[in-house]
Amino acid sequence: MSLQPRWDIFCPVVDNFGDVGVCWRLARQLAREEGIAPRLWVDDLASARRLIPSLPSNALCHLVEGVEIRSWQTCFPLVEPGPVVIAAFAATLPEGFLEAMAGCVPPPRWINLEYLSAEDWVAGCHRLPSPHPRLPLVQHFFFPGFDRFTGGLLREGDYAWRRSAFQESVFLKAGGIPSRQPGELFISLFCYENPALQGLLSAWGQGPGRVTCLVPEGRALPDICDFFGISALKAGDRLTKDHLVVHVLPFVEQTRYDELLWACDLNFVRGEDSFVRAQWAEKPFVWHIYRQEDEAHLKKLAAFLSRFCAGLDPEVRSVLQTFWVAWNQGDGQAVVASWPAFRKALAALAAHGEAWSARLQLMESLSAQLVRFCKDGIE
């Protein structure tokens, strides 16, 4: 596939990996599936390198999988804008670049790619224009979402094929993880710091049956260290307490993270990118939403739960909502108290997850919708 003129994607890294994770996934999908040559500007290449291991540590500009990854520095270079400019997550574009956009004839299609939300107001704001107060430029808000009135979600065209080709035994062997025992529960844990975590780890250890917890390197490790009474953990470490076994995994690139989700019976995820991947994985999951001021994140959590739980058995719905809310409030006692019922509901939640994923797949992907929207504006 021959690549068209480049698109510029500006990614401010706010939360270590979530923001660059979304932008890198979008840029890679545009290059692979839409014939676009993306130029991805990242203001924190150190975070990007965790997700893109082939990105050299000393490179300010490097081509990876058809994506030109460049360092977004305060002293911004003089470059010609592409026909489409995407400012991810309300990024403030460099002034010189904005002026260069204004000098283009025609001006680039300027997209403000917003955070994912299930709130009802999103559909009314999707694609709305916003003129620049000084320059002859108009940006359009583009909202990912969960229905046909929004921009959809990122999902690769080869996802179903990769999923069908996945072999759990191969994945576990490569990670040095023993094959599962009868009745063993595999859980992946990717979360922010949470005061409820130590109580949950104790419940897993003292509950019936073995629980193997697979934890990528990250922000959960200090709480796990405190639970086991040790000072530090690193990739490759293995800890055991009662019925609980914890394996610390290296921080993995995106395709390997999908495999981690497929290998587990329950996935704890955080932020936006892993949240979406958990839904495609069709396994029960728990979302640790990014905390915001004035508890605004709890409104977003409630909005998603309202959509996701539609059609669930009322008892299962209550169990899921109780556990998710307790987890996001960091209420250790409530998390421990609600865990047994949540565990019993995993089979029902797995079936529900398959149906939910099938409905989401009826929507056009976010990358395809972006291309169609921008093409209509440029031609």
Protein backbone atom coordinates (compact mmCIF):
# COMPACT_ATOMS: atom_id res chain seq x y z
CA MET A 1 0.00 0.00 0.00
CA SER A 2 1.49 3.34 -1.03
CA LEU A 3 1.34 5.96 1.70
CA GLN A 4 -0.39 9.30 1.13
CA PRO A 5 0.96 12.66 2.40
CA ARG A 6 1.59 12.58 6.10
CA TRP A 7 -0.81 13.45 8.86
CA ASP A 8 0.52 15.19 11.97
CA ILE A 9 -0.53 13.79 15.35
CA PHE A 10 0.41 15.74 18.49
CA CYS A 11 0.51 13.69 21.69
CA PRO A 12 1.02 15.33 25.09
CA VAL A 13 1.93 12.65 27.63
CA VAL A 14 -0.08 13.30 30.79
CA ASP A 15 -0.33 9.88 32.41
CA ASN A 16 2.88 8.05 31.57
CA PHE A 17 1.57 5.57 28.98
CA GLY A 18 -2.16 5.94 28.38
CA ASP A 19 -2.00 8.98 26.12
CA VAL A 20 0.93 7.83 24.02
CA GLY A 21 -0.60 4.35 23.93
CA VAL A 22 -3.73 5.65 22.21
CA CYS A 23 -1.80 7.89 19.80
CA TRP A 24 0.73 5.20 18.88
CA ARG A 25 -2.05 2.68 18.25
CA LEU A 26 -3.93 5.19 16.08
CA ALA A 27 -0.83 6.20 14.11
CA ARG A 28 0.15 2.59 13.49
CA GLN A 29 -3.35 1.69 12.34
CA LEU A 30 -3.49 4.68 9.98
CA ALA A 31 -0.22 3.56 8.40
CA ARG A 32 -1.13 -0.13 8.15
CA GLU A 33 -4.75 0.04 7.13
CA GLU A 34 -5.57 3.48 5.78
CA GLY A 35 -2.57 4.32 3.59
CA ILE A 36 -1.61 7.34 5.73
CA ALA A 37 1.96 8.36 6.57
CA PRO A 38 1.59 9.64 10.15
CA ARG A 39 4.09 11.95 11.82
CA LEU A 40 3.67 11.43 15.55
CA TRP A 41 4.92 14.26 17.78
CA VAL A 42 5.45 13.13 21.40
CA ASP A 43 6.58 15.42 24.22
CA ASP A 44 7.90 12.49 26.32
CA LEU A 45 9.81 9.98 24.21
CA ALA A 46 10.96 8.10 27.32
CA SER A 47 7.37 6.98 27.91
CA ALA A 48 6.96 6.18 24.23
CA ARG A 49 9.99 3.89 24.30
CA ARG A 50 8.34 1.67 26.91
CA LEU A 51 5.62 0.88 24.38
CA ILE A 52 7.87 1.00 21.32
CA PRO A 53 11.04 -0.95 22.19
CA SER A 54 12.55 -0.41 18.73
CA LEU A 55 12.64 3.36 19.26
CA PRO A 56 16.32 4.26 19.88
CA SER A 57 17.08 5.97 23.17
CA ASN A 58 18.98 8.83 21.54
CA ALA A 59 16.71 9.38 18.54
CA LEU A 60 14.70 12.59 18.18
CA CYS A 61 13.22 11.32 14.91
CA HIS A 62 12.79 7.69 13.91
CA LEU A 63 10.60 5.68 11.52
CA VAL A 64 8.82 2.72 13.14
CA GLU A 65 6.22 0.60 11.32
CA GLY A 66 5.48 3.35 8.84
CA VAL A 67 5.14 6.02 11.55
CA GLU A 68 7.63 8.88 11.81
CA ILE A 69 8.02 9.43 15.54
CA ARG A 70 9.44 12.83 16.45
CA SER A 71 10.30 14.62 19.66
CA TRP A 72 7.92 17.48 20.40
CA GLN A 73 10.24 20.04 21.97
CA THR A 74 9.71 23.61 23.16
CA CYS A 75 11.87 24.88 20.32
CA PHE A 76 9.67 23.50 17.55
CA PRO A 77 11.18 23.07 14.07
CA LEU A 78 9.88 24.78 10.96
CA VAL A 79 7.96 22.04 9.14
CA GLU A 80 5.21 22.00 6.58
CA PRO A 81 1.95 20.77 8.13
CA GLY A 82 0.26 17.77 6.61
CA PRO A 83 -3.27 17.92 5.19
CA VAL A 84 -4.64 16.64 8.52
CA VAL A 85 -3.50 17.72 11.98
CA ILE A 86 -4.71 15.81 15.04
CA ALA A 87 -4.31 17.42 18.44
CA ALA A 88 -4.88 14.56 20.86
CA PHE A 89 -6.53 15.20 24.22
CA ALA A 90 -6.86 18.98 23.78
CA ALA A 91 -3.15 19.41 22.99
CA THR A 92 -2.04 23.02 22.54
CA LEU A 93 -0.27 23.16 19.19
CA PRO A 94 2.99 25.12 18.84
CA GLU A 95 2.29 28.70 17.78
CA GLY A 96 4.65 28.54 14.82
CA PHE A 97 2.99 25.36 13.59
CA LEU A 98 -0.47 26.97 13.89
CA GLU A 99 0.69 29.92 11.82
CA ALA A 100 2.10 27.53 9.22
CA MET A 101 -1.28 25.77 9.13
CA ALA A 102 -3.00 29.11 8.55
CA GLY A 103 -0.70 29.76 5.61
CA CYS A 104 -1.65 26.53 3.82
CA VAL A 105 -4.10 26.64 0.92
CA PRO A 106 -6.38 24.94 1.71
CA PRO A 107 -5.74 24.86 5.47
CA PRO A 108 -5.32 21.42 7.05
CA ARG A 109 -8.24 19.56 8.54
CA TRP A 110 -7.69 20.18 12.26
CA ILE A 111 -9.02 17.51 14.63
CA ASN A 112 -9.24 17.73 18.41
CA LEU A 113 -9.26 14.03 19.34
CA GLU A 114 -10.91 13.86 22.74
CA TYR A 115 -10.79 11.36 25.57
CA LEU A 116 -13.13 8.39 25.46
CA SER A 117 -16.35 8.77 27.42
CA ALA A 118 -19.71 6.99 27.59
CA GLU A 119 -21.56 10.11 28.75
CA ASP A 120 -24.67 11.07 26.78
CA TRP A 121 -23.48 14.61 25.96
CA VAL A 122 -20.61 13.26 23.84
CA ALA A 123 -22.84 12.50 20.84
CA GLY A 124 -24.02 16.12 20.71
CA CYS A 125 -20.46 17.47 20.65
CA HIS A 126 -18.98 14.96 18.21
CA ARG A 127 -17.72 16.67 15.01
CA LEU A 128 -18.67 20.16 16.22
CA PRO A 129 -16.51 22.98 14.74
CA SER A 130 -14.59 25.53 16.82
CA PRO A 131 -13.04 28.49 14.94
CA HIS A 132 -9.66 29.75 16.09
CA PRO A 133 -10.08 33.19 17.72
CA ARG A 134 -7.35 34.80 15.61
CA LEU A 135 -6.28 32.61 12.70
CA PRO A 136 -8.39 31.40 9.74
CA LEU A 137 -8.51 27.88 11.11
CA VAL A 138 -11.32 25.67 12.40
CA GLN A 139 -10.83 22.65 14.61
CA HIS A 140 -13.41 19.89 14.89
CA PHE A 141 -14.01 17.89 18.03
CA PHE A 142 -13.84 14.14 17.48
CA PHE A 143 -15.06 11.89 20.26
CA PRO A 144 -14.42 8.15 20.48
CA GLY A 145 -17.44 6.38 21.86
CA PHE A 146 -19.69 3.38 22.23
CA ASP A 147 -22.51 4.08 19.75
CA ARG A 148 -23.04 5.12 16.13
CA PHE A 149 -23.37 8.78 17.06
CA THR A 150 -19.69 8.94 18.08
CA GLY A 151 -16.33 8.20 16.50
CA GLY A 152 -16.12 4.55 17.56
CA LEU A 153 -13.11 2.71 18.98
CA LEU A 154 -9.70 1.61 17.76
CA ARG A 155 -9.67 -2.00 16.61
CA GLU A 156 -7.18 -3.44 14.13
CA GLY A 157 -8.43 -5.25 11.06
CA ASP A 158 -6.38 -8.36 11.93
CA TYR A 159 -7.51 -8.50 15.57
CA ALA A 160 -9.85 -11.48 15.14
CA TRP A 161 -7.20 -13.42 13.24
CA ARG A 162 -4.57 -12.78 15.90
CA ARG A 163 -6.99 -13.81 18.61
CA SER A 164 -7.85 -17.07 16.87
CA ALA A 165 -4.15 -17.88 16.38
CA PHE A 166 -3.28 -17.25 20.04
CA GLN A 167 -1.98 -20.21 22.03
CA GLU A 168 -2.08 -19.79 25.79
CA SER A 169 0.54 -22.47 26.40
CA VAL A 170 3.04 -20.70 24.13
CA PHE A 171 2.41 -17.37 25.86
CA LEU A 172 2.85 -18.81 29.35
CA LYS A 173 6.00 -20.71 28.43
CA ALA A 174 7.58 -17.59 26.91
CA GLY A 175 6.90 -15.71 30.13
CA GLY A 176 8.23 -18.46 32.38
CA ILE A 177 4.76 -19.03 33.84
CA PRO A 178 3.69 -22.60 34.69
CA SER A 179 0.64 -24.00 32.93
CA ARG A 180 -2.58 -23.48 34.80
CA GLN A 181 -3.80 -26.09 37.26
CA PRO A 182 -7.43 -27.31 37.30
CA GLY A 183 -9.62 -24.61 38.83
CA GLU A 184 -6.80 -22.05 38.88
CA LEU A 185 -7.81 -18.43 38.26
CA PHE A 186 -5.50 -16.26 36.12
CA ILE A 187 -5.78 -12.51 36.73
CA SER A 188 -3.89 -9.68 35.06
CA LEU A 189 -3.39 -6.57 37.17
CA PHE A 190 -2.72 -3.22 35.50
CA CYS A 191 -3.92 -0.42 37.78
CA TYR A 192 -3.05 2.83 39.49
CA GLU A 193 -2.08 2.99 43.14
CA ASN A 194 -5.05 1.73 45.16
CA PRO A 195 -5.42 1.38 48.94
CA ALA A 196 -7.84 -1.50 48.34
CA LEU A 197 -5.24 -3.64 46.59
CA GLN A 198 -3.61 -5.19 49.64
CA GLY A 199 -6.94 -6.37 50.99
CA LEU A 200 -7.82 -7.86 47.61
CA LEU A 201 -4.48 -9.69 47.43
CA SER A 202 -5.19 -11.13 50.87
CA ALA A 203 -8.66 -12.25 49.74
CA TRP A 204 -7.15 -13.97 46.72
CA GLY A 205 -4.61 -15.77 48.89
CA GLN A 206 -7.12 -16.91 51.50
CA GLY A 207 -9.93 -17.81 49.13
CA PRO A 208 -10.70 -21.22 47.63
CA GLY A 209 -8.46 -22.34 44.82
CA ARG A 210 -5.19 -21.03 43.46
CA VAL A 211 -4.99 -17.51 42.01
CA THR A 212 -2.13 -16.53 39.71
CA CYS A 213 -1.76 -12.78 39.34
CA LEU A 214 0.25 -11.47 36.37
CA VAL A 215 1.45 -7.91 36.97
CA PRO A 216 3.28 -5.84 34.35
CA GLU A 217 5.90 -3.50 35.81
CA GLY A 218 4.21 -0.28 36.86
CA ARG A 219 2.40 1.63 39.55
CA ALA A 220 0.89 -1.38 41.32
CA LEU A 221 4.28 -2.77 42.42
CA PRO A 222 4.76 -0.64 45.60
CA ASP A 223 1.45 -1.88 47.02
CA ILE A 224 2.40 -5.46 46.19
CA CYS A 225 5.78 -4.96 47.88
CA ASP A 226 4.03 -3.74 51.02
CA PHE A 227 1.73 -6.75 51.00
CA PHE A 228 4.63 -9.18 50.83
CA GLY A 229 6.83 -7.13 53.16
CA ILE A 230 9.65 -6.54 50.67
CA SER A 231 11.37 -3.41 49.42
CA ALA A 232 11.35 -3.84 45.64
CA LEU A 233 10.17 -5.97 42.74
CA LYS A 234 11.37 -6.38 39.18
CA ALA A 235 10.34 -8.24 36.05
CA GLY A 236 10.82 -11.97 36.47
CA ASP A 237 10.15 -12.02 40.22
CA ARG A 238 7.71 -14.61 41.56
CA LEU A 239 6.07 -14.45 44.99
CA THR A 240 3.77 -16.86 46.80
CA LYS A 241 1.52 -16.42 49.81
CA ASP A 242 -1.19 -18.91 50.73
CA HIS A 243 -3.14 -19.64 47.52
CA LEU A 244 -1.80 -16.54 45.73
CA VAL A 245 1.05 -16.55 43.22
CA VAL A 246 2.27 -13.24 41.77
CA HIS A 247 4.41 -13.06 38.63
CA VAL A 248 5.95 -9.69 37.73
CA LEU A 249 6.10 -9.24 33.96
CA PRO A 250 8.12 -6.76 31.97
CA PHE A 251 6.19 -3.79 30.63
CA VAL A 252 5.07 -5.14 27.28
CA GLU A 253 4.40 -3.66 23.86
CA GLN A 254 0.79 -3.40 22.74
CA THR A 255 0.45 -6.66 20.80
CA ARG A 256 1.87 -8.62 23.72
CA TYR A 257 -0.54 -6.90 26.08
CA ASP A 258 -3.46 -8.24 24.05
CA GLU A 259 -2.04 -11.73 24.58
CA LEU A 260 -1.86 -11.15 28.33
CA LEU A 261 -5.56 -10.25 28.36
CA TRP A 262 -6.48 -13.32 26.30
CA ALA A 263 -4.54 -15.59 28.66
CA CYS A 264 -6.38 -14.45 31.79
CA ASP A 265 -9.82 -15.15 33.25
CA LEU A 266 -10.13 -11.65 34.69
CA ASN A 267 -8.35 -8.43 33.73
CA PHE A 268 -7.86 -5.32 35.83
CA VAL A 269 -7.19 -2.40 33.49
CA ARG A 270 -6.71 1.32 33.83
CA GLY A 271 -7.03 4.54 31.82
CA GLU A 272 -8.23 4.39 28.21
CA ASP A 273 -6.15 2.18 25.95
CA SER A 274 -6.11 -0.96 28.13
CA PHE A 275 -9.79 -0.32 28.95
CA VAL A 276 -10.71 -0.66 25.27
CA ARG A 277 -8.44 -3.67 24.77
CA ALA A 278 -10.14 -5.45 27.67
CA GLN A 279 -13.49 -5.06 25.93
CA TRP A 280 -12.14 -6.56 22.72
CA ALA A 281 -10.64 -9.45 24.72
CA GLU A 282 -14.16 -10.56 25.71
CA LYS A 283 -13.08 -11.51 29.21
CA PRO A 284 -14.45 -10.19 32.51
CA PHE A 285 -12.62 -7.01 33.49
CA VAL A 286 -12.46 -4.27 36.11
CA TRP A 287 -11.75 -0.72 35.02
CA HIS A 288 -9.66 1.58 37.23
CA ILE A 289 -10.65 4.95 35.81
CA TYR A 290 -8.19 7.86 35.91
CA ARG A 291 -8.99 10.01 38.95
CA GLN A 292 -10.16 13.58 38.28
CA GLU A 293 -10.88 16.60 40.44
CA ASP A 294 -14.32 16.96 42.02
CA GLU A 295 -14.91 13.22 41.53
CA ALA A 296 -15.77 13.82 37.84
CA HIS A 297 -14.35 10.39 37.02
CA LEU A 298 -17.12 8.70 39.00
CA LYS A 299 -19.71 10.26 36.67
CA LYS A 300 -17.84 8.82 33.70
CA LEU A 301 -17.65 5.46 35.44
CA ALA A 302 -21.40 5.49 36.10
CA ALA A 303 -22.10 6.43 32.46
CA PHE A 304 -20.13 3.45 31.20
CA LEU A 305 -21.66 1.07 33.70
CA SER A 306 -25.13 2.17 32.60
CA ARG A 307 -24.33 1.23 29.01
CA PHE A 308 -22.28 -1.87 29.71
CA CYS A 309 -24.73 -3.40 32.17
CA ALA A 310 -27.80 -3.06 29.95
CA GLY A 311 -29.29 -6.52 29.52
CA LEU A 312 -27.38 -8.10 32.38
CA ASP A 313 -29.21 -10.21 34.94
CA PRO A 314 -30.11 -7.76 37.75
CA GLU A 315 -28.20 -9.74 40.36
CA VAL A 316 -25.06 -9.94 38.22
CA ARG A 317 -25.39 -6.25 37.39
CA SER A 318 -25.55 -5.38 41.10
CA VAL A 319 -22.50 -7.54 41.84
CA LEU A 320 -20.46 -5.92 39.07
CA GLN A 321 -21.42 -2.36 39.99
CA THR A 322 -20.72 -2.92 43.68
CA PHE A 323 -17.24 -4.29 43.03
CA TRP A 324 -16.28 -1.70 40.40
CA VAL A 325 -17.39 1.25 42.53
CA ALA A 326 -15.63 -0.09 45.62
CA TRP A 327 -12.43 -0.61 43.61
CA ASN A 328 -12.52 2.91 42.18
CA GLN A 329 -13.22 4.44 45.57
CA GLY A 330 -10.31 2.53 47.09
CA ASP A 331 -12.63 1.04 49.71
CA GLY A 332 -10.67 -1.99 50.85
CA GLN A 333 -13.37 -3.41 53.11
CA ALA A 334 -16.04 -3.17 50.39
CA VAL A 335 -13.70 -4.70 47.80
CA VAL A 336 -12.92 -7.69 50.01
CA ALA A 337 -16.58 -8.13 51.01
CA SER A 338 -17.80 -8.04 47.39
CA TRP A 339 -15.04 -10.20 45.87
CA PRO A 340 -16.62 -13.67 46.49
CA ALA A 341 -19.83 -12.70 44.69
CA PHE A 342 -17.88 -11.07 41.87
CA ARG A 343 -15.80 -14.21 41.42
CA LYS A 344 -18.93 -16.35 41.20
CA ALA A 345 -20.28 -14.02 38.50
CA LEU A 346 -17.26 -14.41 36.19
CA ALA A 347 -18.90 -16.99 33.92
CA ALA A 348 -21.94 -14.78 33.37
CA LEU A 349 -19.70 -11.75 32.80
CA ALA A 350 -17.64 -13.65 30.22
CA ALA A 351 -20.77 -14.42 28.20
CA HIS A 352 -21.90 -10.82 28.51
CA GLY A 353 -18.48 -9.60 27.39
CA GLU A 354 -18.74 -11.59 24.16
CA ALA A 355 -22.13 -10.08 23.36
CA TRP A 356 -20.92 -6.56 24.24
CA SER A 357 -17.88 -6.90 22.00
CA ALA A 358 -20.02 -8.16 19.12
CA ARG A 359 -22.22 -5.05 19.35
CA LEU A 360 -19.22 -2.74 19.40
CA GLN A 361 -17.80 -4.44 16.32
CA LEU A 362 -20.85 -3.32 14.33
CA MET A 363 -19.46 0.22 14.46
CA GLU A 364 -16.86 1.51 12.03
CA SER A 365 -13.45 1.81 13.71
CA LEU A 366 -12.17 5.14 14.99
CA SER A 367 -9.34 5.25 12.45
CA ALA A 368 -11.66 4.60 9.51
CA GLN A 369 -14.13 7.22 10.72
CA LEU A 370 -11.35 9.78 11.05
CA VAL A 371 -10.14 9.10 7.51
CA ARG A 372 -13.64 9.40 6.07
CA PHE A 373 -14.37 12.61 7.97
CA CYS A 374 -11.12 14.24 6.94
CA LYS A 375 -11.42 13.10 3.33
CA ASP A 376 -14.86 14.69 3.06
CA GLY A 377 -13.43 17.98 4.33
CA ILE A 378 -10.35 18.02 2.13
CA GLU A 379 -11.84 17.00 -1.22
